[in-house]
Amino acid sequence: MNEFWSAFLYALMRGGILTVFIACYVAGGRQKKWVRRFIGGAWLAVTCAILSQSFGWHLLPLAGYPAALTLGYGGDDLITKLWRRGLYGLALGFLGLTVGILAGLWAYGLIQAVLALLASIILGVLNPGKTPRTEEDAVREEGLIALFSVAIVPFMM
């Protein structure tokens, strides 16, 4: 197989990792949160580690994803929501930044950190979707938060 097709197949596999992670994140949205937290987080960590084909320090932050996904992010008032969503986005963003730095791809890691923080706050607090909200809006929002929270991570492996 030539170099282009090999790289193309790896890109497809990375997209598949994201697709399954997003599905777990959305499936564990309102109920069965363990699917989002543990299945989704473990899926991301294990599949990225396998795809990296080398076991080194850059894989260490992947173990933090299941823990970061357990952080609460709701609240009754705007300040609480901003604080908790900010912390949630920072935790996921910090892991992405750390993966990037340890993999020698600090710029990708920085972009991932900014995406995770902004997605968590803008989509999670401001809810720019339609009002009144439907289940479809909630699924769309959760899917986007999941995507932007880890979009670059599989591509840094």
Foldseek 3Di string as FASTA:
>chain_A
DDPVVVVVVLVVLLVVLLVCLLVQQLVLPPHPVCSNQPVSLVSNLVSLCVSVVDDDPLSVLSVCRSVLSPQDQDDDDLVSNLVSLQSSLQSLLVSLCSSCVVLVNNVLSNQLSVLLNCLSCCCVRVVPDDPPDDSVSVSVSSSSNSCSSCVCVSVSD
